[in-house]
Protein backbone atom coordinates (compact mmCIF):
# COMPACT_ATOMS: atom_id res chain seq x y z
CA MET A 1 -0.10 0.06 -0.23
CA LYS A 2 1.77 3.17 -1.04
CA ASN A 3 -0.34 5.34 1.35
CA PRO A 4 -1.44 3.69 4.32
CA ALA A 5 -3.02 6.74 5.63
CA THR A 6 -6.25 5.66 3.36
CA HIS A 7 -7.00 2.92 6.03
CA ILE A 8 -8.11 5.69 8.60
CA GLN A 9 -11.75 6.02 8.95
CA SER A 10 -12.09 8.80 11.41
CA ILE A 11 -10.23 11.42 13.45
CA TYR A 12 -10.50 12.65 16.88
CA VAL A 13 -9.27 15.97 17.98
CA GLU A 14 -8.56 17.40 21.53
CA LYS A 15 -10.58 20.51 21.72
CA GLN A 16 -7.71 22.66 23.04
CA ILE A 17 -5.81 22.37 19.82
CA VAL A 18 -8.34 22.65 17.02
CA ASP A 19 -7.13 25.91 15.99
CA LEU A 20 -3.25 25.02 15.75
CA PRO A 21 -1.96 25.31 12.36
CA MET A 22 -1.10 21.53 11.98
CA THR A 23 -4.63 20.46 13.12
CA ARG A 24 -6.35 22.58 10.43
CA ARG A 25 -3.96 21.23 7.77
CA ILE A 26 -4.63 17.70 8.51
CA LEU A 27 -8.42 18.25 8.84
CA GLU A 28 -8.39 20.24 5.24
CA ARG A 29 -6.51 17.16 3.86
CA SER A 30 -8.62 14.49 5.27
CA GLU A 31 -11.15 14.50 2.51
CA GLY A 32 -14.31 14.24 4.21
CA LEU A 33 -13.57 11.88 7.30
CA PRO A 34 -15.59 11.95 10.18
CA VAL A 35 -14.06 14.36 12.78
CA GLU A 36 -15.05 14.22 16.46
CA ILE A 37 -13.73 17.10 19.04
CA ILE A 38 -13.15 15.43 22.39
CA ASP A 39 -11.63 16.80 25.58
CA ALA A 40 -8.02 15.75 26.36
CA HIS A 41 -7.35 12.15 26.19
CA ASP A 42 -11.03 11.30 26.75
CA LEU A 43 -10.97 7.79 24.85
CA ASN A 44 -12.65 5.71 27.34
CA HIS A 45 -15.78 5.65 25.00
CA LEU A 46 -13.58 4.48 22.07
CA ASP A 47 -12.48 1.08 23.53
CA TYR A 48 -14.26 -1.22 21.24
CA ALA A 49 -12.56 -4.17 22.68
CA PRO A 50 -10.07 -5.32 25.33
CA TYR A 51 -6.45 -4.58 24.71
CA PRO A 52 -4.85 -5.77 22.53
CA ASP A 53 -7.74 -6.47 20.20
CA SER A 54 -8.42 -2.86 20.52
CA MET A 55 -5.07 -2.14 18.70
CA SER A 56 -6.57 -3.31 15.37
CA MET A 57 -9.34 -0.83 15.72
CA GLY A 58 -7.18 1.81 16.94
CA LYS A 59 -5.11 1.71 13.57
CA LYS A 60 -8.20 2.94 11.96
CA HIS A 61 -8.62 6.17 13.82
CA LEU A 62 -6.34 8.76 13.94
CA LEU A 63 -6.04 11.07 17.42
CA LEU A 64 -4.73 14.49 17.16
CA CYS A 65 -3.50 15.73 20.34
CA GLN A 66 -0.88 18.10 22.15
CA ASN A 67 2.39 16.58 23.36
CA LYS A 68 3.02 17.94 26.86
CA GLY A 69 6.17 15.83 27.42
CA ALA A 70 9.69 15.98 25.44
CA PHE A 71 9.68 15.69 21.85
CA PHE A 72 13.51 14.98 21.90
CA LYS A 73 14.88 12.00 23.83
CA PRO A 74 17.98 9.45 23.51
CA CYS A 75 16.93 6.21 21.92
CA PRO A 76 15.83 4.00 24.63
CA ALA A 77 18.65 1.50 24.33
CA THR A 78 20.18 -0.73 26.89
CA LYS A 79 23.82 -0.60 28.38
CA GLU A 80 24.41 -4.41 27.71
CA TYR A 81 24.60 -3.88 23.71
CA ARG A 82 26.38 -1.33 21.46
CA CYS A 83 24.02 1.51 20.68
CA CYS A 84 24.53 3.99 17.87
CA GLU A 85 23.41 6.99 20.31
CA TYR A 86 20.65 7.85 18.02
CA GLN A 87 18.27 10.69 19.22
CA VAL A 88 14.63 10.14 18.94
CA LEU A 89 12.31 12.85 17.90
CA ASN A 90 8.88 11.82 19.00
CA ILE A 91 6.15 13.02 16.47
CA GLY A 92 3.63 10.61 17.59
CA ALA A 93 2.69 6.89 18.36
CA ASN A 94 1.56 3.91 16.42
CA CYS A 95 0.89 3.80 12.86
CA PRO A 96 -1.93 2.65 10.31
CA MET A 97 0.35 -0.23 9.03
CA ASP A 98 0.41 -3.58 10.95
CA CYS A 99 3.62 -5.83 11.49
CA VAL A 100 3.26 -8.85 13.21
CA TYR A 101 6.77 -8.41 15.08
CA CYS A 102 6.08 -4.70 16.01
CA ILE A 103 7.45 -4.11 19.51
CA LEU A 104 5.01 -1.30 19.90
CA GLN A 105 2.33 -3.83 20.66
CA ALA A 106 3.81 -4.64 23.82
CA TYR A 107 5.51 -1.15 24.59
CA LEU A 108 2.62 1.14 24.26
CA ASN A 109 -0.16 1.20 26.67
CA ASN A 110 -2.64 3.02 24.40
CA PRO A 111 -3.61 1.56 21.19
CA TRP A 112 -4.78 4.59 19.29
CA MET A 113 -2.76 6.12 16.59
CA THR A 114 -1.72 9.40 17.53
CA PHE A 115 0.07 12.64 16.02
CA TYR A 116 1.28 15.56 17.99
CA VAL A 117 0.24 18.61 16.23
CA ASN A 118 1.90 21.27 18.67
CA THR A 119 5.00 21.10 16.11
CA GLU A 120 5.95 24.83 17.09
CA ASP A 121 7.04 23.22 20.58
CA LEU A 122 9.01 20.60 18.49
CA PHE A 123 11.06 22.88 16.63
CA SER A 124 11.58 25.15 19.53
CA GLU A 125 13.02 22.03 21.38
CA LEU A 126 15.08 21.05 18.73
CA THR A 127 16.64 24.63 18.37
CA GLN A 128 17.33 24.89 22.07
CA ALA A 129 19.13 21.24 21.99
CA PHE A 130 21.36 22.41 19.21
CA LYS A 131 21.95 25.79 20.95
CA LYS A 132 22.96 24.05 24.22
CA GLU A 133 25.34 21.74 22.51
CA PRO A 134 26.88 23.59 19.45
CA LYS A 135 29.77 21.14 18.95
CA ARG A 136 27.83 17.93 19.01
CA PHE A 137 26.96 15.98 16.08
CA TRP A 138 23.40 14.94 16.25
CA ARG A 139 21.70 11.85 14.28
CA ILE A 140 17.81 12.50 14.60
CA GLY A 141 15.13 10.09 13.70
CA THR A 142 11.47 10.25 13.87
CA GLY A 143 10.78 6.28 13.20
CA GLU A 144 11.07 4.94 16.92
CA PHE A 145 7.45 5.13 18.06
CA THR A 146 5.80 5.72 14.51
CA ASP A 147 6.49 5.25 11.00
CA SER A 148 8.04 8.62 9.65
CA MET A 149 6.12 8.98 6.61
CA ALA A 150 2.84 6.92 6.90
CA LEU A 151 0.88 10.10 7.47
CA ASP A 152 2.76 12.62 5.61
CA LYS A 153 0.16 13.22 2.92
CA LEU A 154 -2.16 14.40 5.77
CA THR A 155 0.52 16.14 7.86
CA GLY A 156 3.13 17.31 5.36
CA LEU A 157 5.66 17.33 8.44
CA SER A 158 8.49 16.15 6.50
CA LYS A 159 8.74 19.37 4.44
CA GLU A 160 9.12 21.28 7.50
CA LEU A 161 11.37 18.96 9.07
CA VAL A 162 13.74 18.74 5.92
CA THR A 163 13.69 22.56 5.51
CA PHE A 164 14.58 23.05 9.26
CA MET A 165 17.30 20.67 8.89
CA SER A 166 18.86 21.79 6.12
CA SER A 167 20.65 24.73 7.66
CA LYS A 168 22.02 22.37 10.68
CA LYS A 169 25.56 21.42 9.91
CA ASN A 170 26.07 19.58 12.89
CA ALA A 171 23.02 17.36 12.40
CA VAL A 172 21.33 14.78 10.20
CA LEU A 173 17.72 13.58 10.20
CA GLU A 174 16.71 10.27 9.21
CA LEU A 175 12.97 9.50 8.09
CA LYS A 176 12.54 5.90 8.19
CA THR A 177 9.30 4.21 6.70
CA LYS A 178 7.77 1.10 5.30
CA SER A 179 5.70 3.31 3.00
CA ALA A 180 6.27 4.69 -0.48
CA VAL A 181 4.87 8.22 0.57
CA ILE A 182 7.49 10.58 -0.56
CA ASP A 183 5.45 13.29 -2.56
CA ASN A 184 6.56 16.08 -0.17
CA LEU A 185 10.14 15.54 -0.59
CA GLU A 186 10.23 16.60 -4.06
CA GLY A 187 11.95 19.95 -5.02
CA LEU A 188 13.33 20.65 -1.26
CA ASP A 189 16.63 22.04 -0.75
CA HIS A 190 17.45 19.64 1.84
CA LYS A 191 21.41 20.40 1.38
CA GLY A 192 22.09 16.52 2.25
CA ARG A 193 20.93 16.96 5.90
CA THR A 194 18.10 14.37 5.62
CA VAL A 195 18.50 10.68 5.06
CA LEU A 196 15.77 8.68 3.75
CA ALA A 197 15.57 5.27 5.20
CA TRP A 198 13.49 1.90 4.63
CA SER A 199 12.90 -1.15 6.60
CA LEU A 200 13.54 -4.08 4.27
CA ASN A 201 13.17 -7.86 4.77
CA SER A 202 12.89 -11.19 2.70
CA THR A 203 9.80 -10.78 0.36
CA ALA A 204 8.36 -13.94 2.39
CA VAL A 205 8.35 -11.77 5.75
CA MET A 206 7.14 -8.86 3.83
CA ASN A 207 4.16 -10.76 2.25
CA GLN A 208 3.24 -12.75 5.15
CA HIS A 209 3.81 -10.63 8.12
CA GLU A 210 3.71 -6.72 7.33
CA PHE A 211 0.19 -5.58 6.54
CA ARG A 212 -0.52 -2.31 4.63
CA THR A 213 3.11 -1.61 4.00
CA ALA A 214 4.63 -0.93 0.49
CA THR A 215 5.89 -3.70 -1.41
CA LEU A 216 9.62 -4.38 -1.82
CA LYS A 217 9.28 -2.94 -5.53
CA GLU A 218 7.29 0.38 -4.24
CA ARG A 219 9.87 0.74 -1.50
CA LEU A 220 12.96 0.59 -3.76
CA ALA A 221 11.42 2.58 -6.51
CA ALA A 222 10.69 5.45 -3.92
CA ALA A 223 14.16 4.99 -2.57
CA LYS A 224 15.47 5.47 -6.20
CA GLN A 225 13.34 8.75 -6.70
CA CYS A 226 14.86 10.06 -3.63
CA ALA A 227 18.13 9.37 -4.72
CA ASP A 228 17.51 11.16 -7.92
CA TRP A 229 16.42 14.14 -5.84
CA GLY A 230 19.75 13.92 -4.26
CA TYR A 231 18.78 12.47 -0.79
CA LYS A 232 21.23 10.25 1.09
CA LEU A 233 19.46 6.78 1.90
CA ALA A 234 19.80 4.19 4.55
CA PHE A 235 18.24 0.64 4.74
CA HIS A 236 17.36 -1.43 7.71
CA PHE A 237 17.05 -5.30 7.97
CA ASP A 238 15.51 -5.40 11.26
CA PRO A 239 14.10 -7.70 12.48
CA ILE A 240 15.78 -10.53 10.43
CA ILE A 241 13.74 -13.36 10.84
CA TYR A 242 14.57 -17.14 10.26
CA HIS A 243 12.13 -18.90 8.17
CA PRO A 244 12.34 -21.44 5.39
CA ASP A 245 14.66 -20.56 2.51
CA TRP A 246 15.74 -17.49 4.58
CA LYS A 247 19.20 -17.33 2.75
CA GLN A 248 17.43 -17.09 -0.64
CA GLY A 249 14.86 -14.49 0.48
CA TYR A 250 17.28 -12.23 1.94
CA THR A 251 19.74 -12.63 -1.14
CA GLU A 252 17.02 -11.69 -3.40
CA THR A 253 15.93 -8.57 -1.65
CA ILE A 254 19.75 -7.45 -1.51
CA GLU A 255 19.94 -8.20 -5.06
CA ALA A 256 16.85 -5.95 -5.85
CA LEU A 257 17.99 -3.32 -3.55
CA TYR A 258 21.38 -2.84 -5.39
CA ASP A 259 19.63 -3.32 -8.96
CA THR A 260 17.43 -0.55 -8.19
CA VAL A 261 19.20 1.98 -6.05
CA PRO A 262 22.69 3.66 -6.45
CA ALA A 263 25.03 2.05 -3.93
CA ALA A 264 26.80 5.53 -3.70
CA ASN A 265 23.75 7.12 -2.14
CA ILE A 266 23.58 4.61 0.64
CA VAL A 267 25.16 6.05 3.76
CA TRP A 268 24.55 3.20 6.28
CA ILE A 269 22.77 -0.21 6.50
CA SER A 270 21.82 -1.83 9.80
CA LEU A 271 21.17 -5.42 10.85
CA GLY A 272 19.12 -6.69 13.80
CA ALA A 273 17.89 -10.14 14.46
CA LEU A 274 14.49 -10.63 15.81
CA ARG A 275 14.33 -9.65 19.67
CA TYR A 276 11.12 -9.15 21.60
CA LEU A 277 9.86 -8.33 24.97
CA PRO A 278 8.39 -11.59 26.80
CA THR A 279 4.76 -9.85 26.30
CA LEU A 280 5.04 -9.61 22.71
CA LYS A 281 4.75 -13.16 21.92
CA GLN A 282 1.40 -13.64 23.63
CA ILE A 283 0.11 -10.29 22.11
CA ALA A 284 1.39 -11.06 18.62
CA THR A 285 0.47 -14.69 18.29
CA SER A 286 -3.35 -13.56 19.56
CA ARG A 287 -3.54 -10.80 16.97
CA PHE A 288 -1.92 -12.95 14.14
CA PRO A 289 -2.40 -16.69 14.89
CA LYS A 290 -1.28 -17.74 11.45
CA SER A 291 2.14 -16.33 12.20
CA ARG A 292 4.66 -19.20 13.54
CA PHE A 293 7.92 -17.50 13.74
CA PHE A 294 7.67 -16.77 17.29
CA TYR A 295 7.77 -20.54 18.16
CA GLU A 296 11.30 -20.99 17.04
CA GLU A 297 13.95 -21.59 19.90
CA PHE A 298 14.94 -18.53 21.62
CA ILE A 299 17.21 -17.55 24.69
CA VAL A 300 16.44 -14.50 26.87
CA GLY A 301 19.37 -11.99 26.35
CA LEU A 302 21.07 -9.73 28.79
CA ASP A 303 18.40 -6.94 28.04
CA GLY A 304 15.46 -9.27 28.96
CA LYS A 305 14.55 -9.68 25.37
CA SER A 306 13.91 -13.14 23.62
CA ARG A 307 16.77 -13.96 20.89
CA TYR A 308 17.83 -16.42 18.70
CA PHE A 309 20.61 -18.53 19.92
CA ARG A 310 24.07 -17.10 19.20
CA PRO A 311 25.24 -19.53 16.33
CA GLN A 312 21.81 -18.99 14.56
CA ARG A 313 22.10 -15.28 15.01
CA THR A 314 25.81 -15.06 13.70
CA GLY A 315 24.89 -17.50 10.97
CA MET A 316 22.07 -15.15 9.61
CA TYR A 317 24.33 -12.07 10.13
CA LYS A 318 27.18 -13.57 8.18
CA HIS A 319 25.26 -14.34 5.17
CA ILE A 320 23.42 -11.11 4.98
CA TYR A 321 26.67 -9.09 5.65
CA ASN A 322 28.63 -10.78 3.03
CA GLN A 323 25.91 -10.32 0.56
CA LEU A 324 25.73 -6.74 1.20
CA LYS A 325 29.38 -6.18 1.75
CA ALA A 326 30.15 -7.45 -1.88
CA LYS A 327 27.61 -4.83 -3.40
CA SER A 328 28.11 -1.75 -1.20
CA ALA A 329 29.97 1.22 -1.80
CA LYS A 330 33.15 1.76 0.05
CA ASN A 331 31.89 4.40 2.63
CA THR A 332 28.52 2.73 3.30
CA CYS A 333 28.57 1.79 7.11
CA ILE A 334 27.11 -1.68 7.70
CA TYR A 335 26.51 -2.02 11.47
CA MET A 336 24.47 -4.47 13.87
CA CYS A 337 21.88 -2.87 16.26
CA MET A 338 22.00 -3.61 19.87
CA GLU A 339 24.49 -6.59 19.60
CA SER A 340 27.39 -7.33 21.95
CA ASP A 341 31.13 -6.96 21.02
CA GLU A 342 31.44 -10.96 20.73
CA ILE A 343 28.87 -10.86 17.81
CA TRP A 344 30.70 -7.78 16.15
CA ARG A 345 33.90 -9.74 16.03
CA ASP A 346 32.38 -13.14 15.14
CA VAL A 347 30.56 -11.39 12.13
CA PHE A 348 32.76 -8.25 10.97
CA GLY A 349 36.20 -9.34 12.50
CA TYR A 350 36.32 -6.17 14.60
CA THR A 351 34.33 -4.19 17.42
CA PRO A 352 32.94 -0.69 17.21
CA GLU A 353 35.65 0.73 19.48
CA GLU A 354 38.53 -0.52 17.07
CA LYS A 355 36.81 1.97 14.51
CA GLY A 356 36.44 4.61 16.96
CA GLY A 357 33.04 3.51 18.26
CA LEU A 358 29.71 2.99 16.57
CA PRO A 359 28.54 6.65 16.61
CA VAL A 360 31.72 7.88 15.11
CA MET A 361 31.28 5.40 12.35
CA LEU A 362 27.69 6.49 11.57
CA ASP A 363 28.93 10.17 11.77
CA ARG A 364 31.58 9.71 9.49
CA ALA A 365 29.16 8.08 6.95
CA SER A 366 26.57 10.67 6.81
CA SER A 367 28.68 13.72 7.15
């Protein structure tokens, strides 16, 4: 699905933010969807079913509200594994797409798809952070708690973010998506400060476990178009999922990637094997009973998440890394997300510290 926002059936608006510019913009673009004005976070009457069943219904309804907390926070990593020191720009929560493995099913306590419309506060917070630490290099992403582009036809936020970031020489913005919604990116003077990123998987995983997402062909076509507009690109093979013919599946995806997208535009590619909170298995298997990959053998990692056993993880990593390395440009940074130094050495033959640290590796690739 090129535009997953078409799944939305109605919009709920907190009454104190009805007159904000972003609210008005979204409602003008909503093409006649039913709109209900509500008191702040008064969603009790919308609980059509107990959680997590309500999550399926929540993806059909968009809540426009005010973020009263911080927009800008460090990635919620764990100290036991190597983190890239990514900074999260929180623009909302949940998205209209539905992936079986999505960690948000176990992480969020509110099933409703939300978007924060007080964007003036967002940009003010970014400005203050840059001013406070002018010598720091910031890698920022909006795709931690929602998809960066899934609602962009309604919000147009990407255009404002790209324009804002274009003058920030000490920062780079990553917009990560499983959609093919890129129309608002055309013609912007981004000055290379925005990276467009896509999550990729084997076609079997994408077809069977990712619902209302763009196809592999659609994602890669969108990436190629962004490359033609001069954007830097990134790709994320995360989660890597063991399944029948997984080697062939990931190899075919990698071949399609490099047959479509210019290697020189790709600044980084991440690898991350399936890992999940204990509660996710129960939630996901109840919502998607036909999915079977949660029934493989797992071990509890140092962060309390279930992971494949080390030999299985390293075997999948090595295969995918070797395929990528054979085709990637020299300056593309291929790295693992939330893995130990032992796994790094098994797969890559070195640890991040030997290259200056993972944040330095990524900063070097994107600068």
